Amino acid sequence: MLYHLLISLQAEYSWLNVFRYITFRAMLAFVISFLFVLIFQPTFIQYLQRVGLKGQPIRDDGPKSHEIKRGTPTMGGFVVIFSIAISTILLSDLTNRFVWLCLGVLVGLATLGFIDDARKVFKQNSKGVSGPVKLFWQTTIALLVGISLLYLGFSSDLYIPFFKNITINLGLLFLPFVVLVIVGTSNAVNLTDGLDGLAIGPVMTVAVTYAIFAYLGGHEKFAEYLGIPFISGIGELTIFLSAIFAAGLGFLWYNTFPAQVFMGDIGALALGGALGLVAILVKHELVLVVAGGIFVMEAVSVIIQRYYYKLTKKRVFRMAPIHH
């Protein structure tokens, strides 16, 4: 929005040409997103406390040390998501299809997370949206993204890290693959969001990692030199990812121990799903397993614990997710 307005004035004010550079707009998005969260998160925390919501629900079978967190305001991810969306809309090229796909997933999963959080904090003894219902809507959103990408002619090739010339054409398997990456990452981040600052820290590092991939992959010469996939227009996601990193940095100030606010599903589901989609768009899906290694460990610990217990009625870990 702001980008298009200022570029249209470039003929009269030559210095506005600086807005053509992705790096400049990414830095500006960082500043706006960071300051927005840093300034408005305390107001939002005070609002949550004033209306007297139940706050962070604590599992009865969780660690006793976590009892101190009971009642801590949750849904702090609302400010994070809002700052990311505003920064991206202001400073991105809104004719770019990748930007809208990422914003769509971010807002769609944030809405699902908001409904889940709202049920937990507004309704007595509510556990929020049930697992199957949540999974249904996550899958629906991911399927719509996959279908859109195929319709737009997006490559269904899977690139193998460290091997420049090895690719696997997924064909129609691209759709379930998109669902697996987006839904898996969304839920993995949500599982990780159980300890002060644990989820937002890796979210920030993954965002920086993929911001570099997006910038280099959107530059034809850089991509050719480095032997990574060149995807026209993907560089615009650098702005989106810069905003995620900055919003996370601002949120961490209030989420680090002792946490004044928790992100809630509104933040965790949305950020996880958005990062999963970015990994698909920049063609570095498998790198996400390493870059988001903490998310993988958290999710795998829950899967092992659940299925091993069903089979043997015994536990592998004293408690899962493994951060406990």
Protein backbone atom coordinates (compact mmCIF):
# COMPACT_ATOMS: atom_id res chain seq x y z
CA MET A 1 0.00 0.00 0.00
CA LEU A 2 2.61 2.54 1.14
CA TYR A 3 5.08 0.99 -1.31
CA HIS A 4 2.74 1.55 -4.28
CA LEU A 5 1.94 5.11 -3.19
CA LEU A 6 5.57 6.14 -2.83
CA ILE A 7 6.71 4.43 -6.03
CA SER A 8 4.05 6.34 -7.95
CA LEU A 9 5.62 9.57 -6.68
CA GLN A 10 9.13 8.53 -7.65
CA ALA A 11 9.14 10.59 -10.87
CA GLU A 12 8.71 13.76 -8.82
CA TYR A 13 10.87 12.78 -5.85
CA SER A 14 13.84 10.75 -7.04
CA TRP A 15 14.92 9.80 -3.51
CA LEU A 16 11.82 7.61 -3.23
CA ASN A 17 13.57 5.20 -5.59
CA VAL A 18 15.05 3.64 -2.43
CA PHE A 19 11.70 1.92 -1.90
CA ARG A 20 12.38 -0.25 -4.94
CA TYR A 21 15.02 -2.09 -2.93
CA ILE A 22 13.77 -5.13 -1.03
CA THR A 23 16.51 -4.74 1.58
CA PHE A 24 15.39 -1.20 2.45
CA ARG A 25 11.74 -2.20 2.73
CA ALA A 26 12.68 -5.25 4.80
CA MET A 27 14.57 -3.04 7.26
CA LEU A 28 11.64 -0.63 7.44
CA ALA A 29 9.23 -3.54 8.02
CA PHE A 30 11.51 -4.70 10.84
CA VAL A 31 11.38 -1.31 12.55
CA ILE A 32 7.61 -0.90 12.18
CA SER A 33 6.78 -4.44 13.31
CA PHE A 34 9.18 -4.35 16.27
CA LEU A 35 8.01 -0.97 17.55
CA PHE A 36 4.33 -1.88 17.06
CA VAL A 37 4.62 -4.97 19.29
CA LEU A 38 6.88 -3.27 21.82
CA ILE A 39 4.46 -0.34 22.21
CA PHE A 40 1.06 -2.00 21.96
CA GLN A 41 1.66 -5.35 23.69
CA PRO A 42 1.57 -3.80 27.22
CA THR A 43 -1.75 -2.13 26.39
CA PHE A 44 -3.14 -5.45 25.18
CA ILE A 45 -1.88 -7.23 28.31
CA GLN A 46 -3.58 -4.61 30.50
CA TYR A 47 -6.79 -5.02 28.52
CA LEU A 48 -6.75 -8.80 29.00
CA GLN A 49 -6.18 -8.33 32.73
CA ARG A 50 -8.90 -5.67 33.00
CA VAL A 51 -11.62 -7.78 31.38
CA GLY A 52 -10.72 -10.58 33.78
CA LEU A 53 -10.21 -13.47 31.37
CA LYS A 54 -9.18 -16.86 32.77
CA GLY A 55 -5.74 -16.55 31.26
CA GLN A 56 -3.33 -19.31 30.39
CA PRO A 57 -4.86 -22.76 30.99
CA ILE A 58 -2.45 -25.16 32.70
CA ARG A 59 -2.74 -28.92 32.27
CA ASP A 60 -3.40 -30.74 35.54
CA ASP A 61 -0.88 -33.43 34.58
CA GLY A 62 1.80 -30.87 33.72
CA PRO A 63 4.87 -30.01 35.83
CA LYS A 64 4.05 -28.54 39.25
CA SER A 65 6.49 -25.71 38.50
CA HIS A 66 4.12 -24.53 35.78
CA GLU A 67 1.34 -23.82 38.27
CA ILE A 68 2.79 -20.34 38.74
CA LYS A 69 1.82 -19.59 35.12
CA ARG A 70 -1.88 -20.19 35.73
CA GLY A 71 -3.83 -17.03 34.98
CA THR A 72 -1.08 -15.40 32.89
CA PRO A 73 -2.81 -13.56 30.00
CA THR A 74 -2.80 -15.45 26.72
CA MET A 75 -3.71 -14.52 23.11
CA GLY A 76 -0.70 -12.18 22.98
CA GLY A 77 -0.12 -13.49 19.47
CA PHE A 78 -2.91 -11.18 18.31
CA VAL A 79 -0.59 -8.17 18.46
CA VAL A 80 2.20 -10.15 16.78
CA ILE A 81 0.00 -11.27 13.86
CA PHE A 82 -1.50 -7.80 13.45
CA SER A 83 1.92 -6.14 13.32
CA ILE A 84 3.19 -8.64 10.73
CA ALA A 85 0.12 -8.18 8.53
CA ILE A 86 0.25 -4.37 8.72
CA SER A 87 4.00 -4.16 8.00
CA THR A 88 3.68 -6.55 5.06
CA ILE A 89 0.69 -4.78 3.53
CA LEU A 90 2.36 -1.38 3.90
CA LEU A 91 5.73 -2.28 2.42
CA SER A 92 5.28 -5.25 0.07
CA ASP A 93 4.44 -5.30 -3.61
CA LEU A 94 0.76 -6.21 -3.35
CA THR A 95 0.69 -7.50 -6.92
CA ASN A 96 2.89 -10.37 -5.74
CA ARG A 97 0.90 -13.61 -5.42
CA PHE A 98 3.31 -15.11 -2.86
CA VAL A 99 2.70 -12.25 -0.44
CA TRP A 100 -1.07 -12.80 -0.52
CA LEU A 101 -0.73 -16.55 -0.08
CA CYS A 102 1.39 -16.04 3.03
CA LEU A 103 -0.97 -13.42 4.43
CA GLY A 104 -3.93 -15.69 3.70
CA VAL A 105 -2.41 -18.60 5.63
CA LEU A 106 -1.30 -16.30 8.46
CA VAL A 107 -4.76 -14.75 8.90
CA GLY A 108 -6.65 -18.00 8.27
CA LEU A 109 -4.76 -19.97 10.90
CA ALA A 110 -4.78 -16.98 13.27
CA THR A 111 -8.59 -16.95 13.04
CA LEU A 112 -8.70 -20.66 13.89
CA GLY A 113 -6.31 -20.06 16.78
CA PHE A 114 -8.38 -17.10 18.01
CA ILE A 115 -11.54 -19.24 18.14
CA ASP A 116 -9.62 -21.93 20.02
CA ASP A 117 -8.16 -19.45 22.52
CA ALA A 118 -11.45 -17.59 22.96
CA ARG A 119 -13.28 -20.79 23.89
CA LYS A 120 -10.61 -21.61 26.47
CA VAL A 121 -10.61 -18.22 28.16
CA PHE A 122 -14.28 -17.22 27.83
CA LYS A 123 -15.99 -20.55 28.53
CA GLN A 124 -15.70 -22.39 31.81
CA ASN A 125 -14.09 -25.84 31.59
CA SER A 126 -13.68 -25.57 27.81
CA LYS A 127 -10.67 -27.16 26.14
CA GLY A 128 -11.15 -25.08 23.01
CA VAL A 129 -11.60 -26.39 19.50
CA SER A 130 -11.35 -30.18 19.44
CA GLY A 131 -8.31 -31.79 17.82
CA PRO A 132 -10.17 -33.31 14.83
CA VAL A 133 -12.00 -30.04 14.08
CA LYS A 134 -8.77 -28.05 14.32
CA LEU A 135 -7.00 -30.53 12.04
CA PHE A 136 -9.87 -30.35 9.54
CA TRP A 137 -9.61 -26.58 9.15
CA GLN A 138 -5.81 -26.63 9.06
CA THR A 139 -5.95 -29.25 6.31
CA THR A 140 -8.59 -27.28 4.40
CA ILE A 141 -6.47 -24.11 4.44
CA ALA A 142 -3.36 -26.04 3.37
CA LEU A 143 -5.27 -27.82 0.57
CA LEU A 144 -6.54 -24.49 -0.76
CA VAL A 145 -2.95 -23.24 -0.82
CA GLY A 146 -1.74 -26.37 -2.63
CA ILE A 147 -4.50 -26.15 -5.23
CA SER A 148 -3.78 -22.45 -5.75
CA LEU A 149 -0.09 -23.14 -6.31
CA LEU A 150 -0.81 -25.86 -8.88
CA TYR A 151 -3.33 -23.58 -10.60
CA LEU A 152 -0.70 -20.82 -10.77
CA GLY A 153 1.76 -23.23 -12.38
CA PHE A 154 4.08 -23.42 -9.38
CA SER A 155 6.71 -26.13 -9.68
CA SER A 156 5.96 -29.37 -7.84
CA ASP A 157 9.64 -30.33 -7.74
CA LEU A 158 11.21 -31.25 -4.42
CA TYR A 159 14.82 -30.10 -4.14
CA ILE A 160 17.30 -32.13 -2.10
CA PRO A 161 19.68 -30.03 0.05
CA PHE A 162 23.40 -30.12 -0.88
CA PHE A 163 22.64 -31.81 -4.22
CA LYS A 164 22.23 -29.07 -6.82
CA ASN A 165 20.93 -31.22 -9.67
CA ILE A 166 18.79 -33.76 -7.82
CA THR A 167 15.05 -33.05 -7.76
CA ILE A 168 11.96 -35.21 -7.32
CA ASN A 169 8.81 -34.27 -9.22
CA LEU A 170 5.96 -34.88 -6.79
CA GLY A 171 3.17 -34.46 -9.34
CA LEU A 172 -0.20 -34.77 -7.59
CA LEU A 173 1.61 -35.85 -4.43
CA PHE A 174 2.47 -32.18 -4.16
CA LEU A 175 -0.95 -31.57 -2.57
CA PRO A 176 -0.55 -33.96 0.40
CA PHE A 177 3.04 -32.77 0.72
CA VAL A 178 1.88 -29.15 1.08
CA VAL A 179 -0.66 -30.25 3.69
CA LEU A 180 2.00 -32.21 5.59
CA VAL A 181 4.46 -29.30 5.71
CA ILE A 182 1.97 -26.55 6.59
CA VAL A 183 -0.16 -28.51 9.07
CA GLY A 184 2.87 -30.27 10.56
CA THR A 185 4.79 -27.05 11.13
CA SER A 186 1.72 -25.27 12.48
CA ASN A 187 1.08 -27.97 15.07
CA ALA A 188 4.77 -28.41 15.89
CA VAL A 189 5.13 -24.71 16.76
CA ASN A 190 1.94 -24.92 18.80
CA LEU A 191 3.32 -27.87 20.79
CA THR A 192 6.55 -25.95 21.39
CA ASP A 193 4.65 -22.97 22.81
CA GLY A 194 4.59 -24.31 26.34
CA LEU A 195 7.64 -22.74 27.92
CA ASP A 196 8.49 -19.04 28.25
CA GLY A 197 10.09 -17.85 25.03
CA LEU A 198 10.63 -21.37 23.68
CA ALA A 199 8.38 -21.13 20.61
CA ILE A 200 9.07 -17.54 19.60
CA GLY A 201 12.87 -18.01 19.71
CA PRO A 202 13.02 -20.75 17.03
CA VAL A 203 10.31 -18.94 15.04
CA MET A 204 12.66 -15.97 14.82
CA THR A 205 15.69 -18.02 13.78
CA VAL A 206 13.70 -19.89 11.13
CA ALA A 207 12.31 -16.58 9.84
CA VAL A 208 15.84 -15.18 9.43
CA THR A 209 17.02 -18.36 7.71
CA TYR A 210 14.22 -18.27 5.18
CA ALA A 211 14.50 -14.51 4.71
CA ILE A 212 18.02 -15.18 3.39
CA PHE A 213 16.74 -17.99 1.16
CA ALA A 214 13.91 -15.80 -0.15
CA TYR A 215 16.18 -12.87 -0.94
CA LEU A 216 18.82 -14.99 -2.69
CA GLY A 217 16.26 -17.17 -4.46
CA GLY A 218 14.51 -14.11 -5.84
CA HIS A 219 17.74 -12.76 -7.36
CA GLU A 220 18.54 -14.59 -10.59
CA LYS A 221 22.31 -14.06 -10.49
CA PHE A 222 22.67 -14.96 -6.82
CA ALA A 223 20.53 -18.06 -7.27
CA GLU A 224 22.50 -19.21 -10.31
CA TYR A 225 25.83 -18.64 -8.57
CA LEU A 226 24.76 -20.51 -5.42
CA GLY A 227 22.99 -23.29 -7.29
CA ILE A 228 19.64 -22.74 -5.57
CA PRO A 229 16.20 -22.52 -7.23
CA PHE A 230 15.42 -19.13 -8.76
CA ILE A 231 11.78 -18.18 -8.24
CA SER A 232 10.69 -14.90 -9.75
CA GLY A 233 9.08 -12.60 -7.18
CA ILE A 234 9.95 -14.72 -4.15
CA GLY A 235 12.25 -11.97 -2.84
CA GLU A 236 9.20 -10.03 -1.63
CA LEU A 237 8.81 -12.58 1.14
CA THR A 238 11.96 -11.12 2.71
CA ILE A 239 9.74 -8.27 3.94
CA PHE A 240 7.16 -10.67 5.39
CA LEU A 241 9.85 -12.70 7.15
CA SER A 242 11.63 -9.60 8.44
CA ALA A 243 8.34 -8.52 10.00
CA ILE A 244 7.97 -11.95 11.65
CA PHE A 245 11.46 -11.74 13.14
CA ALA A 246 10.92 -8.21 14.43
CA ALA A 247 7.48 -8.99 15.89
CA GLY A 248 8.98 -12.02 17.60
CA LEU A 249 11.78 -9.93 19.06
CA GLY A 250 9.28 -7.42 20.44
CA PHE A 251 7.07 -10.18 21.83
CA LEU A 252 10.02 -11.95 23.46
CA TRP A 253 10.51 -8.94 25.74
CA TYR A 254 7.15 -9.75 27.36
CA ASN A 255 7.25 -13.53 26.94
CA THR A 256 10.66 -14.27 28.42
CA PHE A 257 10.73 -15.60 31.99
CA PRO A 258 8.75 -14.66 33.96
CA ALA A 259 6.25 -14.37 31.12
CA GLN A 260 3.79 -11.48 31.23
CA VAL A 261 1.80 -12.91 28.33
CA PHE A 262 1.61 -16.06 26.23
CA MET A 263 1.21 -16.24 22.48
CA GLY A 264 -1.70 -18.66 22.45
CA ASP A 265 -2.90 -20.66 19.48
CA ILE A 266 -3.68 -17.45 17.61
CA GLY A 267 0.04 -16.83 17.31
CA ALA A 268 1.54 -20.33 17.33
CA LEU A 269 -0.74 -21.91 14.71
CA ALA A 270 -0.45 -18.92 12.39
CA LEU A 271 3.32 -18.44 12.61
CA GLY A 272 4.00 -22.16 12.22
CA GLY A 273 1.75 -22.47 9.19
CA ALA A 274 3.21 -19.35 7.58
CA LEU A 275 6.78 -20.61 8.01
CA GLY A 276 5.77 -23.97 6.55
CA LEU A 277 4.32 -22.25 3.49
CA VAL A 278 7.42 -20.08 3.07
CA ALA A 279 9.59 -23.22 3.12
CA ILE A 280 7.50 -24.62 0.26
CA LEU A 281 7.58 -21.39 -1.74
CA VAL A 282 11.35 -20.95 -1.57
CA LYS A 283 11.85 -24.67 -2.35
CA HIS A 284 13.78 -25.47 0.83
CA GLU A 285 11.22 -27.65 2.59
CA LEU A 286 13.68 -30.28 3.83
CA VAL A 287 15.93 -27.62 5.38
CA LEU A 288 13.03 -26.84 7.72
CA VAL A 289 13.72 -30.11 9.54
CA VAL A 290 17.13 -28.70 10.55
CA ALA A 291 16.29 -25.00 10.88
CA GLY A 292 13.21 -25.86 12.94
CA GLY A 293 14.88 -28.76 14.75
CA ILE A 294 13.31 -27.84 18.09
CA PHE A 295 9.84 -28.02 16.54
CA VAL A 296 10.65 -31.45 15.14
CA MET A 297 11.87 -32.72 18.52
CA GLU A 298 8.76 -31.43 20.26
CA ALA A 299 6.36 -32.98 17.75
CA VAL A 300 8.21 -36.30 17.55
CA SER A 301 8.29 -36.61 21.35
CA VAL A 302 4.49 -36.27 21.47
CA ILE A 303 3.98 -38.79 18.65
CA ILE A 304 6.30 -41.35 20.28
CA GLN A 305 4.72 -40.87 23.69
CA ARG A 306 1.16 -41.14 22.44
CA TYR A 307 1.51 -44.19 20.22
CA TYR A 308 3.87 -46.07 22.53
CA TYR A 309 1.44 -45.55 25.40
CA LYS A 310 -1.47 -46.83 23.31
CA LEU A 311 0.47 -49.98 22.49
CA THR A 312 2.10 -50.73 25.85
CA LYS A 313 0.34 -48.51 28.44
CA LYS A 314 3.82 -47.28 29.37
CA ARG A 315 5.58 -43.97 28.73
CA VAL A 316 8.88 -43.41 26.95
CA PHE A 317 9.33 -39.93 28.46
CA ARG A 318 8.30 -38.81 31.91
CA MET A 319 6.34 -36.10 30.13
CA ALA A 320 5.74 -34.86 26.59
CA PRO A 321 6.28 -32.50 24.79
CA ILE A 322 9.92 -33.00 25.63
CA HIS A 323 10.46 -29.41 26.84
CA HIS A 324 8.84 -30.47 30.14
